[in-house]
């Protein structure tokens, strides 16, 4: 038995401009299927349960959203964007634009997205509220790499702002100052982002959601 929406909606699906789903659900022979898997699954699943969905590919032009809102008159935006103009820190501003247009949207609000795109700021806030976080240090682009004495090896080096394991590999775990410098410079050079080195904690990776503001 297939689920059907009790109230069909017009849904504006915001996706990366290179990941716009085709008109028909692709099969596994589509060479871009794996790259678009999330976008395809969201758009076609929403259609199958009765909603009208219009994907909009966004790169660096908010006017595309404006035109779609005027022409399509969506009830809600399904936000799948993780960057704007190739920069992750701009993604929250797209959501701010949706709020200015008074268009309901899925996912986190602009303030939450801003916090989560800055690993250093997030850790400081969590620590303030008594939640344990690994010791860390930020290495800005263009600055000489100097490890503070309180930061002991092994360390995990990654981008300060990127997510989805971008820039992380076996070489990201370092145990000498030479390897630390090499990996920080790699992040600066390849991602154009500040690097963060944090205390490496052995064991399974576990995602923990922190929800709400009540004490």
N, C-alpha and C. Protein backbone atom coordinates (compact mmCIF):
# COMPACT_ATOMS: atom_id res chain seq x y z
N UNK A 1 0.84 -1.19 0.00
CA UNK A 1 0.00 0.00 0.00
C UNK A 1 0.89 1.25 0.00
N UNK A 2 0.71 2.09 -0.98
CA UNK A 2 1.52 3.29 -1.07
C UNK A 2 0.89 4.43 -0.29
N UNK A 3 1.75 5.20 0.37
CA UNK A 3 1.27 6.36 1.13
C UNK A 3 0.91 7.47 0.16
N UNK A 4 -0.19 8.17 0.43
CA UNK A 4 -0.59 9.32 -0.36
C UNK A 4 -0.83 10.51 0.55
N UNK A 5 -0.36 11.66 0.13
CA UNK A 5 -0.52 12.87 0.93
C UNK A 5 -2.00 13.23 1.03
N UNK A 6 -2.46 13.55 2.23
CA UNK A 6 -3.86 13.94 2.42
C UNK A 6 -4.15 15.30 1.80
N UNK A 7 -3.13 16.15 1.73
CA UNK A 7 -3.29 17.48 1.14
C UNK A 7 -2.10 17.74 0.21
N UNK A 8 -2.28 17.51 -1.08
CA UNK A 8 -1.17 17.75 -2.01
C UNK A 8 -0.70 19.20 -1.96
N UNK A 9 0.61 19.38 -2.00
CA UNK A 9 1.22 20.70 -1.93
C UNK A 9 2.06 20.97 -3.17
N UNK A 10 2.28 22.25 -3.41
CA UNK A 10 3.27 22.66 -4.42
C UNK A 10 4.59 22.85 -3.69
N UNK A 11 5.59 22.05 -4.06
CA UNK A 11 6.87 22.04 -3.36
C UNK A 11 7.97 22.53 -4.29
N UNK A 12 8.68 23.55 -3.84
CA UNK A 12 9.83 24.07 -4.58
C UNK A 12 11.09 23.39 -4.04
N UNK A 13 11.71 22.54 -4.85
CA UNK A 13 12.91 21.81 -4.42
C UNK A 13 14.15 22.58 -4.84
N UNK A 14 14.90 23.10 -3.87
CA UNK A 14 16.11 23.86 -4.15
C UNK A 14 17.30 22.92 -4.14
N UNK A 15 17.98 22.80 -5.28
CA UNK A 15 19.09 21.87 -5.42
C UNK A 15 20.27 22.59 -6.07
N UNK A 16 21.45 21.99 -5.94
CA UNK A 16 22.63 22.51 -6.62
C UNK A 16 22.39 22.50 -8.12
N UNK A 17 22.90 23.51 -8.82
CA UNK A 17 22.58 23.63 -10.25
C UNK A 17 23.07 22.46 -11.08
N UNK A 18 24.05 21.71 -10.60
CA UNK A 18 24.54 20.53 -11.31
C UNK A 18 23.79 19.26 -10.94
N UNK A 19 22.84 19.36 -10.02
CA UNK A 19 22.17 18.16 -9.50
C UNK A 19 20.65 18.22 -9.66
N UNK A 20 20.19 18.88 -10.72
CA UNK A 20 18.75 18.97 -10.98
C UNK A 20 18.25 17.63 -11.52
N UNK A 21 17.26 17.01 -10.87
CA UNK A 21 16.76 15.72 -11.33
C UNK A 21 16.12 15.82 -12.72
N UNK A 22 16.17 14.74 -13.50
CA UNK A 22 15.51 14.75 -14.82
C UNK A 22 14.00 14.70 -14.67
N UNK A 23 13.30 14.79 -15.79
CA UNK A 23 11.83 14.77 -15.74
C UNK A 23 11.28 13.42 -15.31
N UNK A 24 11.96 12.34 -15.68
CA UNK A 24 11.53 10.99 -15.32
C UNK A 24 12.56 10.37 -14.38
N UNK A 25 12.07 9.50 -13.48
CA UNK A 25 12.99 8.83 -12.55
C UNK A 25 14.00 8.00 -13.34
N UNK A 26 15.30 8.24 -13.13
CA UNK A 26 16.32 7.51 -13.90
C UNK A 26 16.54 6.10 -13.35
N UNK A 27 17.09 5.25 -14.22
CA UNK A 27 17.47 3.91 -13.75
C UNK A 27 18.96 3.93 -13.42
N UNK A 28 19.47 2.77 -13.03
CA UNK A 28 20.87 2.69 -12.58
C UNK A 28 21.87 2.90 -13.71
N UNK A 29 21.42 2.94 -14.95
CA UNK A 29 22.34 3.16 -16.06
C UNK A 29 22.68 4.65 -16.22
N UNK A 30 21.93 5.50 -15.56
CA UNK A 30 22.22 6.94 -15.62
C UNK A 30 23.57 7.20 -14.96
N UNK A 31 24.55 7.75 -15.69
CA UNK A 31 25.91 7.95 -15.13
C UNK A 31 25.96 8.94 -13.97
N UNK A 32 24.94 9.81 -13.87
CA UNK A 32 24.93 10.81 -12.81
C UNK A 32 23.99 10.43 -11.66
N UNK A 33 23.42 9.24 -11.73
CA UNK A 33 22.45 8.81 -10.73
C UNK A 33 23.02 8.85 -9.31
N UNK A 34 24.24 8.37 -9.14
CA UNK A 34 24.83 8.32 -7.80
C UNK A 34 25.08 9.72 -7.25
N UNK A 35 25.49 10.65 -8.12
CA UNK A 35 25.73 12.02 -7.67
C UNK A 35 24.43 12.72 -7.25
N UNK A 36 23.33 12.36 -7.93
CA UNK A 36 22.05 13.02 -7.68
C UNK A 36 21.11 12.18 -6.82
N UNK A 37 21.63 11.15 -6.19
CA UNK A 37 20.75 10.18 -5.53
C UNK A 37 19.79 10.85 -4.54
N UNK A 38 20.30 11.72 -3.68
CA UNK A 38 19.43 12.38 -2.70
C UNK A 38 18.39 13.24 -3.40
N UNK A 39 18.84 14.07 -4.35
CA UNK A 39 17.92 14.96 -5.06
C UNK A 39 16.84 14.17 -5.80
N UNK A 40 17.25 13.11 -6.49
CA UNK A 40 16.28 12.29 -7.22
C UNK A 40 15.27 11.65 -6.27
N UNK A 41 15.77 11.07 -5.19
CA UNK A 41 14.87 10.37 -4.27
C UNK A 41 13.86 11.32 -3.64
N UNK A 42 14.31 12.53 -3.27
CA UNK A 42 13.39 13.49 -2.66
C UNK A 42 12.32 13.93 -3.66
N UNK A 43 12.74 14.34 -4.84
CA UNK A 43 11.80 14.88 -5.83
C UNK A 43 10.80 13.82 -6.28
N UNK A 44 11.27 12.63 -6.63
CA UNK A 44 10.37 11.62 -7.17
C UNK A 44 9.50 10.98 -6.09
N UNK A 45 10.00 10.88 -4.89
CA UNK A 45 9.18 10.36 -3.80
C UNK A 45 8.04 11.32 -3.48
N UNK A 46 8.35 12.62 -3.43
CA UNK A 46 7.31 13.62 -3.17
C UNK A 46 6.25 13.58 -4.27
N UNK A 47 6.67 13.41 -5.50
CA UNK A 47 5.70 13.32 -6.60
C UNK A 47 4.85 12.06 -6.50
N UNK A 48 5.49 10.96 -6.13
CA UNK A 48 4.76 9.69 -6.06
C UNK A 48 3.69 9.69 -4.98
N UNK A 49 3.88 10.49 -3.93
CA UNK A 49 2.87 10.52 -2.87
C UNK A 49 1.85 11.64 -3.10
N UNK A 50 1.94 12.30 -4.24
CA UNK A 50 0.87 13.21 -4.61
C UNK A 50 1.18 14.68 -4.66
N UNK A 51 2.41 15.09 -4.32
CA UNK A 51 2.74 16.50 -4.34
C UNK A 51 3.22 16.94 -5.73
N UNK A 52 3.04 18.21 -6.02
CA UNK A 52 3.56 18.79 -7.25
C UNK A 52 4.91 19.42 -6.92
N UNK A 53 5.96 18.99 -7.61
CA UNK A 53 7.32 19.41 -7.25
C UNK A 53 8.00 20.09 -8.43
N UNK A 54 8.58 21.24 -8.17
CA UNK A 54 9.38 21.94 -9.18
C UNK A 54 10.80 22.11 -8.67
N UNK A 55 11.77 21.37 -9.25
CA UNK A 55 13.17 21.57 -8.86
C UNK A 55 13.72 22.87 -9.45
N UNK A 56 14.56 23.55 -8.67
CA UNK A 56 15.23 24.75 -9.15
C UNK A 56 16.71 24.60 -8.84
N UNK A 57 17.53 24.63 -9.87
CA UNK A 57 18.97 24.55 -9.69
C UNK A 57 19.55 25.91 -9.36
N UNK A 58 20.23 26.00 -8.23
CA UNK A 58 20.74 27.28 -7.75
C UNK A 58 22.27 27.25 -7.71
N UNK A 59 22.89 28.28 -8.26
CA UNK A 59 24.34 28.42 -8.20
C UNK A 59 24.70 29.68 -7.42
N UNK A 60 24.52 30.84 -8.06
CA UNK A 60 24.88 32.11 -7.42
C UNK A 60 23.87 33.22 -7.72
N UNK A 61 22.64 32.81 -8.05
CA UNK A 61 21.64 33.80 -8.46
C UNK A 61 20.33 33.55 -7.71
N UNK A 62 20.03 34.38 -6.73
CA UNK A 62 18.79 34.24 -5.95
C UNK A 62 17.56 34.60 -6.76
N UNK A 63 17.74 35.32 -7.86
CA UNK A 63 16.57 35.71 -8.64
C UNK A 63 15.85 34.49 -9.23
N UNK A 64 16.56 33.38 -9.40
CA UNK A 64 15.92 32.16 -9.89
C UNK A 64 14.86 31.68 -8.90
N UNK A 65 15.17 31.81 -7.62
CA UNK A 65 14.20 31.44 -6.59
C UNK A 65 13.01 32.40 -6.64
N UNK A 66 13.30 33.68 -6.81
CA UNK A 66 12.25 34.70 -6.85
C UNK A 66 11.29 34.43 -8.00
N UNK A 67 11.82 34.12 -9.17
CA UNK A 67 10.98 33.83 -10.34
C UNK A 67 10.12 32.59 -10.09
N UNK A 68 10.73 31.56 -9.52
CA UNK A 68 9.99 30.32 -9.26
C UNK A 68 8.88 30.55 -8.24
N UNK A 69 9.15 31.36 -7.23
CA UNK A 69 8.13 31.65 -6.22
C UNK A 69 6.95 32.38 -6.86
N UNK A 70 7.23 33.34 -7.74
CA UNK A 70 6.16 34.10 -8.39
C UNK A 70 5.36 33.24 -9.36
N UNK A 71 6.06 32.38 -10.13
CA UNK A 71 5.38 31.59 -11.16
C UNK A 71 4.71 30.33 -10.60
N UNK A 72 5.38 29.66 -9.70
CA UNK A 72 4.91 28.36 -9.20
C UNK A 72 4.02 28.48 -7.96
N UNK A 73 4.16 29.57 -7.22
CA UNK A 73 3.39 29.82 -5.99
C UNK A 73 3.47 28.64 -5.03
N UNK A 74 4.69 28.25 -4.62
CA UNK A 74 4.84 27.05 -3.78
C UNK A 74 4.28 27.27 -2.38
N UNK A 75 3.83 26.16 -1.77
CA UNK A 75 3.42 26.17 -0.37
C UNK A 75 4.64 26.08 0.54
N UNK A 76 5.69 25.41 0.07
CA UNK A 76 6.87 25.17 0.90
C UNK A 76 8.08 24.95 0.00
N UNK A 77 9.26 25.29 0.51
CA UNK A 77 10.52 25.00 -0.17
C UNK A 77 11.21 23.83 0.52
N UNK A 78 11.61 22.85 -0.26
CA UNK A 78 12.40 21.73 0.27
C UNK A 78 13.86 22.06 -0.03
N UNK A 79 14.60 22.43 1.00
CA UNK A 79 15.94 22.95 0.81
C UNK A 79 16.99 21.84 0.84
N UNK A 80 17.64 21.62 -0.29
CA UNK A 80 18.72 20.63 -0.38
C UNK A 80 20.07 21.28 -0.66
N UNK A 81 20.13 22.60 -0.55
CA UNK A 81 21.37 23.31 -0.84
C UNK A 81 22.33 23.23 0.34
N UNK A 82 23.60 22.97 0.05
CA UNK A 82 24.64 22.95 1.07
C UNK A 82 25.67 24.05 0.84
N UNK A 83 25.46 24.85 -0.20
CA UNK A 83 26.39 25.95 -0.49
C UNK A 83 25.68 26.95 -1.40
N UNK A 84 26.28 28.12 -1.56
CA UNK A 84 25.81 29.10 -2.53
C UNK A 84 27.04 29.75 -3.13
N UNK A 85 27.08 29.81 -4.44
CA UNK A 85 28.25 30.32 -5.16
C UNK A 85 29.51 29.55 -4.78
N UNK A 86 29.34 28.26 -4.51
CA UNK A 86 30.48 27.39 -4.19
C UNK A 86 31.03 27.54 -2.80
N UNK A 87 30.32 28.26 -1.91
CA UNK A 87 30.85 28.56 -0.58
C UNK A 87 29.84 28.10 0.48
N UNK A 88 30.22 27.14 1.33
CA UNK A 88 29.28 26.62 2.34
C UNK A 88 28.75 27.68 3.30
N UNK A 89 29.57 28.67 3.66
CA UNK A 89 29.13 29.67 4.63
C UNK A 89 28.03 30.58 4.08
N UNK A 90 27.81 30.55 2.76
CA UNK A 90 26.73 31.34 2.18
C UNK A 90 25.39 30.62 2.21
N UNK A 91 25.39 29.32 2.50
CA UNK A 91 24.15 28.55 2.48
C UNK A 91 23.09 29.10 3.44
N UNK A 92 23.45 29.54 4.66
CA UNK A 92 22.42 30.09 5.54
C UNK A 92 21.72 31.32 4.98
N UNK A 93 22.39 32.07 4.11
CA UNK A 93 21.79 33.28 3.56
C UNK A 93 20.65 32.96 2.59
N UNK A 94 20.74 31.79 1.95
CA UNK A 94 19.64 31.36 1.09
C UNK A 94 18.39 31.16 1.93
N UNK A 95 18.56 30.53 3.09
CA UNK A 95 17.43 30.31 3.99
C UNK A 95 16.90 31.65 4.52
N UNK A 96 17.81 32.57 4.79
CA UNK A 96 17.38 33.91 5.21
C UNK A 96 16.51 34.55 4.13
N UNK A 97 16.87 34.34 2.87
CA UNK A 97 16.08 34.87 1.76
C UNK A 97 14.68 34.26 1.74
N UNK A 98 14.60 32.95 2.01
CA UNK A 98 13.29 32.30 2.07
C UNK A 98 12.44 32.90 3.19
N UNK A 99 13.08 33.21 4.31
CA UNK A 99 12.35 33.82 5.42
C UNK A 99 11.87 35.22 5.03
N UNK A 100 12.70 35.98 4.33
CA UNK A 100 12.28 37.30 3.87
C UNK A 100 11.10 37.21 2.91
N UNK A 101 11.06 36.13 2.13
CA UNK A 101 9.94 35.92 1.21
C UNK A 101 8.74 35.30 1.92
N UNK A 102 8.90 35.02 3.23
CA UNK A 102 7.83 34.40 4.04
C UNK A 102 7.38 33.06 3.45
N UNK A 103 8.35 32.32 2.92
CA UNK A 103 8.07 31.00 2.35
C UNK A 103 8.52 29.92 3.34
N UNK A 104 7.63 29.09 3.84
CA UNK A 104 8.05 28.00 4.73
C UNK A 104 9.06 27.09 4.04
N UNK A 105 9.96 26.50 4.83
CA UNK A 105 11.02 25.68 4.26
C UNK A 105 11.35 24.54 5.20
N UNK A 106 11.98 23.53 4.65
CA UNK A 106 12.43 22.40 5.45
C UNK A 106 13.82 22.68 6.01
N UNK A 107 14.17 21.98 7.07
CA UNK A 107 15.52 22.07 7.60
C UNK A 107 15.71 23.16 8.63
N UNK A 108 16.95 23.46 8.90
CA UNK A 108 17.35 24.35 9.98
C UNK A 108 17.19 25.82 9.58
N UNK A 109 17.05 26.68 10.61
CA UNK A 109 16.95 28.11 10.35
C UNK A 109 18.35 28.70 10.11
N UNK A 110 18.43 29.96 9.65
CA UNK A 110 19.73 30.55 9.30
C UNK A 110 20.73 30.57 10.47
N UNK A 111 20.26 30.88 11.67
CA UNK A 111 21.17 30.95 12.81
C UNK A 111 21.78 29.58 13.10
N UNK A 112 20.95 28.54 13.07
CA UNK A 112 21.47 27.20 13.32
C UNK A 112 22.47 26.77 12.26
N UNK A 113 22.18 27.09 10.99
CA UNK A 113 23.11 26.74 9.91
C UNK A 113 24.43 27.48 10.05
N UNK A 114 24.36 28.75 10.46
CA UNK A 114 25.59 29.53 10.66
C UNK A 114 26.46 28.90 11.74
N UNK A 115 25.83 28.48 12.82
CA UNK A 115 26.58 27.86 13.91
C UNK A 115 27.22 26.55 13.48
N UNK A 116 26.46 25.72 12.79
CA UNK A 116 26.97 24.40 12.43
C UNK A 116 28.03 24.46 11.34
N UNK A 117 28.10 25.56 10.59
CA UNK A 117 29.14 25.68 9.58
C UNK A 117 30.43 26.26 10.15
N UNK A 118 30.46 26.53 11.44
CA UNK A 118 31.69 26.98 12.09
C UNK A 118 31.97 26.03 13.25
N UNK A 119 32.83 25.03 13.01
CA UNK A 119 33.08 24.01 14.03
C UNK A 119 33.66 24.59 15.31
N UNK A 120 34.48 25.63 15.18
CA UNK A 120 35.07 26.26 16.36
C UNK A 120 34.00 26.92 17.23
N UNK A 121 33.13 27.70 16.61
CA UNK A 121 32.07 28.39 17.35
C UNK A 121 31.11 27.39 18.00
N UNK A 122 30.78 26.34 17.26
CA UNK A 122 29.89 25.32 17.80
C UNK A 122 30.49 24.68 19.05
N UNK A 123 31.77 24.33 18.98
CA UNK A 123 32.43 23.69 20.14
C UNK A 123 32.46 24.63 21.34
N UNK A 124 32.69 25.92 21.09
CA UNK A 124 32.72 26.88 22.19
C UNK A 124 31.36 26.97 22.88
N UNK A 125 30.29 26.98 22.10
CA UNK A 125 28.95 27.06 22.67
C UNK A 125 28.62 25.79 23.45
N UNK A 126 28.95 24.63 22.89
CA UNK A 126 28.69 23.38 23.59
C UNK A 126 29.47 23.31 24.89
N UNK A 127 30.74 23.73 24.84
CA UNK A 127 31.57 23.71 26.04
C UNK A 127 31.00 24.64 27.12
N UNK A 128 30.50 25.80 26.72
CA UNK A 128 29.91 26.76 27.66
C UNK A 128 28.74 26.12 28.40
N UNK A 129 28.01 25.26 27.71
CA UNK A 129 26.84 24.62 28.32
C UNK A 129 27.18 23.28 28.97
N UNK A 130 28.46 23.03 29.19
CA UNK A 130 28.86 21.85 29.94
C UNK A 130 28.93 20.56 29.14
N UNK A 131 28.91 20.66 27.81
CA UNK A 131 29.01 19.48 26.96
C UNK A 131 30.47 19.30 26.56
N UNK A 132 31.03 18.14 26.85
CA UNK A 132 32.44 17.89 26.57
C UNK A 132 32.71 17.84 25.06
N UNK A 133 33.76 18.53 24.65
CA UNK A 133 34.20 18.51 23.25
C UNK A 133 35.71 18.29 23.23
N UNK A 134 36.25 17.77 22.12
CA UNK A 134 37.71 17.59 22.03
C UNK A 134 38.43 18.94 22.07
N UNK A 135 39.65 18.95 22.65
CA UNK A 135 40.47 20.15 22.55
C UNK A 135 40.75 20.43 21.08
N UNK A 136 40.86 21.72 20.72
CA UNK A 136 41.02 22.05 19.30
C UNK A 136 41.77 23.38 19.16
N UNK A 137 42.18 23.63 17.93
CA UNK A 137 42.81 24.91 17.59
C UNK A 137 42.56 25.18 16.12
N UNK A 138 42.29 26.46 15.79
CA UNK A 138 42.03 26.87 14.41
C UNK A 138 43.30 27.44 13.80
N UNK A 139 43.60 27.02 12.58
CA UNK A 139 44.77 27.50 11.84
C UNK A 139 44.27 28.29 10.62
N UNK A 140 44.25 29.63 10.70
CA UNK A 140 43.74 30.45 9.60
C UNK A 140 44.62 30.37 8.36
N UNK A 141 43.99 30.57 7.22
CA UNK A 141 44.72 30.63 5.95
C UNK A 141 45.70 31.81 5.99
N UNK A 142 46.92 31.58 5.52
CA UNK A 142 47.91 32.65 5.45
C UNK A 142 48.72 32.85 6.71
N UNK A 143 48.45 32.05 7.74
CA UNK A 143 49.21 32.16 8.99
C UNK A 143 50.15 30.96 9.14
N UNK A 144 51.28 31.19 9.79
CA UNK A 144 52.21 30.10 10.04
C UNK A 144 51.60 29.11 11.03
N UNK A 145 51.82 27.83 10.78
CA UNK A 145 51.23 26.79 11.63
C UNK A 145 52.05 26.63 12.90
N UNK A 146 51.45 26.99 14.02
CA UNK A 146 52.09 26.81 15.32
C UNK A 146 51.12 26.08 16.24
N UNK A 147 51.52 24.91 16.70
CA UNK A 147 50.65 24.12 17.57
C UNK A 147 50.78 24.58 19.02
N UNK A 148 49.66 24.95 19.67
CA UNK A 148 49.74 25.30 21.10
C UNK A 148 50.10 24.08 21.94
N UNK A 149 50.82 24.31 23.03
CA UNK A 149 51.31 23.20 23.84
C UNK A 149 50.19 22.35 24.42
N UNK A 150 49.05 22.96 24.69
CA UNK A 150 47.93 22.22 25.29
C UNK A 150 47.33 21.20 24.33
N UNK A 151 47.65 21.33 23.03
CA UNK A 151 47.08 20.45 22.02
C UNK A 151 48.07 19.32 21.75
N UNK A 152 47.79 18.14 22.26
CA UNK A 152 48.71 17.00 22.16
C UNK A 152 48.27 16.03 21.08
N UNK A 153 49.24 15.31 20.55
CA UNK A 153 48.97 14.31 19.50
C UNK A 153 48.38 13.05 20.10
N UNK A 154 47.63 12.28 19.23
CA UNK A 154 47.32 12.52 17.81
C UNK A 154 46.20 13.53 17.63
N UNK A 155 46.19 14.15 16.44
CA UNK A 155 45.21 15.17 16.12
C UNK A 155 44.51 14.83 14.80
N UNK A 156 43.27 15.28 14.67
CA UNK A 156 42.52 15.14 13.43
C UNK A 156 42.40 16.52 12.79
N UNK A 157 42.87 16.65 11.55
CA UNK A 157 42.88 17.93 10.85
C UNK A 157 41.80 17.93 9.77
N UNK A 158 40.97 18.99 9.75
CA UNK A 158 39.93 19.07 8.74
C UNK A 158 39.57 20.53 8.48
N UNK A 159 38.68 20.74 7.52
CA UNK A 159 38.22 22.09 7.21
C UNK A 159 37.36 22.62 8.35
N UNK A 160 37.47 23.92 8.61
CA UNK A 160 36.67 24.54 9.65
C UNK A 160 35.21 24.64 9.26
N UNK A 161 34.91 24.76 7.97
CA UNK A 161 33.54 25.06 7.55
C UNK A 161 32.87 23.97 6.72
N UNK A 162 33.64 23.07 6.09
CA UNK A 162 33.03 22.07 5.22
C UNK A 162 32.49 20.90 6.04
N UNK A 163 31.51 20.19 5.45
CA UNK A 163 30.98 19.01 6.11
C UNK A 163 31.01 17.82 5.15
N UNK A 164 30.37 16.73 5.52
CA UNK A 164 30.33 15.56 4.64
C UNK A 164 31.69 14.92 4.43
N UNK A 165 32.60 15.06 5.40
CA UNK A 165 33.94 14.45 5.33
C UNK A 165 34.80 15.01 4.20
N UNK A 166 34.45 16.20 3.71
CA UNK A 166 35.26 16.83 2.66
C UNK A 166 36.66 17.12 3.20
N UNK A 167 37.68 16.67 2.48
CA UNK A 167 39.07 16.91 2.87
C UNK A 167 39.61 15.97 3.92
N UNK A 168 38.81 14.97 4.33
CA UNK A 168 39.25 14.04 5.37
C UNK A 168 39.70 12.73 4.73
N UNK A 169 40.88 12.26 5.15
CA UNK A 169 41.44 11.00 4.66
C UNK A 169 42.28 10.40 5.78
N UNK A 170 42.91 9.28 5.51
CA UNK A 170 43.77 8.65 6.51
C UNK A 170 44.87 9.62 6.96
N UNK A 171 45.34 10.44 6.02
CA UNK A 171 46.41 11.39 6.34
C UNK A 171 45.94 12.53 7.24
N UNK A 172 44.63 12.61 7.49
CA UNK A 172 44.10 13.68 8.34
C UNK A 172 44.46 13.47 9.80
N UNK A 173 44.75 12.23 10.19
CA UNK A 173 45.17 11.94 11.56
C UNK A 173 46.70 12.07 11.61
N UNK A 174 47.20 13.02 12.38
CA UNK A 174 48.63 13.33 12.39
C UNK A 174 49.21 13.14 13.79
N UNK A 175 50.50 12.83 13.85
CA UNK A 175 51.13 12.59 15.14
C UNK A 175 52.46 13.31 15.31
N UNK A 176 52.78 14.21 14.37
CA UNK A 176 53.99 15.03 14.49
C UNK A 176 53.67 16.45 14.01
N UNK A 177 54.50 17.40 14.43
CA UNK A 177 54.30 18.78 13.98
C UNK A 177 54.50 18.92 12.47
N UNK A 178 55.40 18.11 11.92
CA UNK A 178 55.62 18.16 10.47
C UNK A 178 54.39 17.72 9.71
N UNK A 179 53.78 16.62 10.17
CA UNK A 179 52.56 16.13 9.49
C UNK A 179 51.39 17.09 9.71
N UNK A 180 51.36 17.72 10.89
CA UNK A 180 50.31 18.71 11.15
C UNK A 180 50.41 19.86 10.17
N UNK A 181 51.61 20.40 10.01
CA UNK A 181 51.81 21.51 9.07
C UNK A 181 51.44 21.10 7.66
N UNK A 182 51.85 19.92 7.27
CA UNK A 182 51.58 19.43 5.92
C UNK A 182 50.07 19.32 5.67
N UNK A 183 49.34 18.80 6.66
CA UNK A 183 47.90 18.59 6.46
C UNK A 183 47.13 19.91 6.52
N UNK A 184 47.53 20.81 7.41
CA UNK A 184 46.88 22.12 7.48
C UNK A 184 47.07 22.85 6.15
N UNK A 185 48.26 22.83 5.62
CA UNK A 185 48.53 23.50 4.35
C UNK A 185 47.75 22.85 3.21
N UNK A 186 47.53 21.54 3.31
CA UNK A 186 46.73 20.84 2.30
C UNK A 186 45.28 21.36 2.32
N UNK A 187 44.71 21.53 3.51
CA UNK A 187 43.35 22.05 3.63
C UNK A 187 43.29 23.48 3.08
N UNK A 188 44.26 24.30 3.45
CA UNK A 188 44.30 25.67 2.95
C UNK A 188 44.38 25.71 1.43
N UNK A 189 45.23 24.85 0.89
CA UNK A 189 45.50 24.88 -0.55
C UNK A 189 44.35 24.30 -1.38
N UNK A 190 43.79 23.19 -0.96
CA UNK A 190 42.79 22.49 -1.78
C UNK A 190 41.37 22.98 -1.54
N UNK A 191 41.05 23.41 -0.33
CA UNK A 191 39.69 23.83 -0.02
C UNK A 191 39.54 25.34 0.16
N UNK A 192 40.67 26.04 0.29
CA UNK A 192 40.61 27.47 0.48
C UNK A 192 39.93 27.87 1.77
N UNK A 193 39.99 27.00 2.78
CA UNK A 193 39.30 27.23 4.05
C UNK A 193 40.29 27.18 5.21
N UNK A 194 39.93 27.83 6.31
CA UNK A 194 40.71 27.68 7.54
C UNK A 194 40.64 26.21 7.97
N UNK A 195 41.69 25.77 8.65
CA UNK A 195 41.75 24.39 9.12
C UNK A 195 41.54 24.35 10.63
N UNK A 196 40.98 23.27 11.11
CA UNK A 196 40.84 23.04 12.54
C UNK A 196 41.48 21.69 12.86
N UNK A 197 42.28 21.68 13.92
CA UNK A 197 42.88 20.44 14.41
C UNK A 197 42.31 20.16 15.78
N UNK A 198 41.77 18.97 15.95
CA UNK A 198 41.16 18.64 17.23
C UNK A 198 41.70 17.30 17.75
N UNK A 199 41.63 17.15 19.04
CA UNK A 199 42.09 15.93 19.70
C UNK A 199 41.43 14.72 19.06
N UNK A 200 42.25 13.75 18.66
CA UNK A 200 41.71 12.54 18.05
C UNK A 200 41.22 11.60 19.13
N UNK A 201 39.98 11.15 19.01
CA UNK A 201 39.38 10.23 19.98
C UNK A 201 39.09 8.93 19.27
N UNK A 202 39.72 7.87 19.70
CA UNK A 202 39.56 6.56 19.06
C UNK A 202 38.18 5.99 19.35
N UNK A 203 37.65 5.25 18.40
CA UNK A 203 36.35 4.61 18.60
C UNK A 203 35.39 4.91 17.47
N UNK A 204 34.15 4.46 17.62
CA UNK A 204 33.13 4.67 16.61
C UNK A 204 32.70 6.14 16.55
N UNK A 205 32.34 6.57 15.35
CA UNK A 205 31.79 7.91 15.20
C UNK A 205 30.29 7.85 15.45
N UNK A 206 29.80 8.71 16.31
CA UNK A 206 28.39 8.72 16.66
C UNK A 206 27.82 10.11 16.45
N UNK A 207 26.71 10.20 15.73
CA UNK A 207 26.03 11.47 15.53
C UNK A 207 25.06 11.71 16.70
N UNK A 208 25.16 12.86 17.33
CA UNK A 208 24.27 13.21 18.43
C UNK A 208 23.61 14.54 18.10
N UNK A 209 22.29 14.55 18.08
CA UNK A 209 21.54 15.77 17.81
C UNK A 209 21.27 16.50 19.11
N UNK A 210 21.46 17.82 19.09
CA UNK A 210 21.16 18.65 20.24
C UNK A 210 19.99 19.55 19.85
N UNK A 211 18.86 19.35 20.52
CA UNK A 211 17.62 20.03 20.13
C UNK A 211 17.06 20.81 21.32
N UNK A 212 16.60 22.02 21.05
CA UNK A 212 15.90 22.78 22.09
C UNK A 212 16.79 23.72 22.83
N UNK A 213 16.15 24.61 23.61
CA UNK A 213 16.88 25.64 24.34
C UNK A 213 16.58 25.62 25.82
N UNK A 214 15.75 24.71 26.28
CA UNK A 214 15.40 24.67 27.69
C UNK A 214 16.53 24.05 28.50
N UNK A 215 16.73 24.55 29.74
CA UNK A 215 17.80 24.05 30.59
C UNK A 215 17.43 22.67 31.12
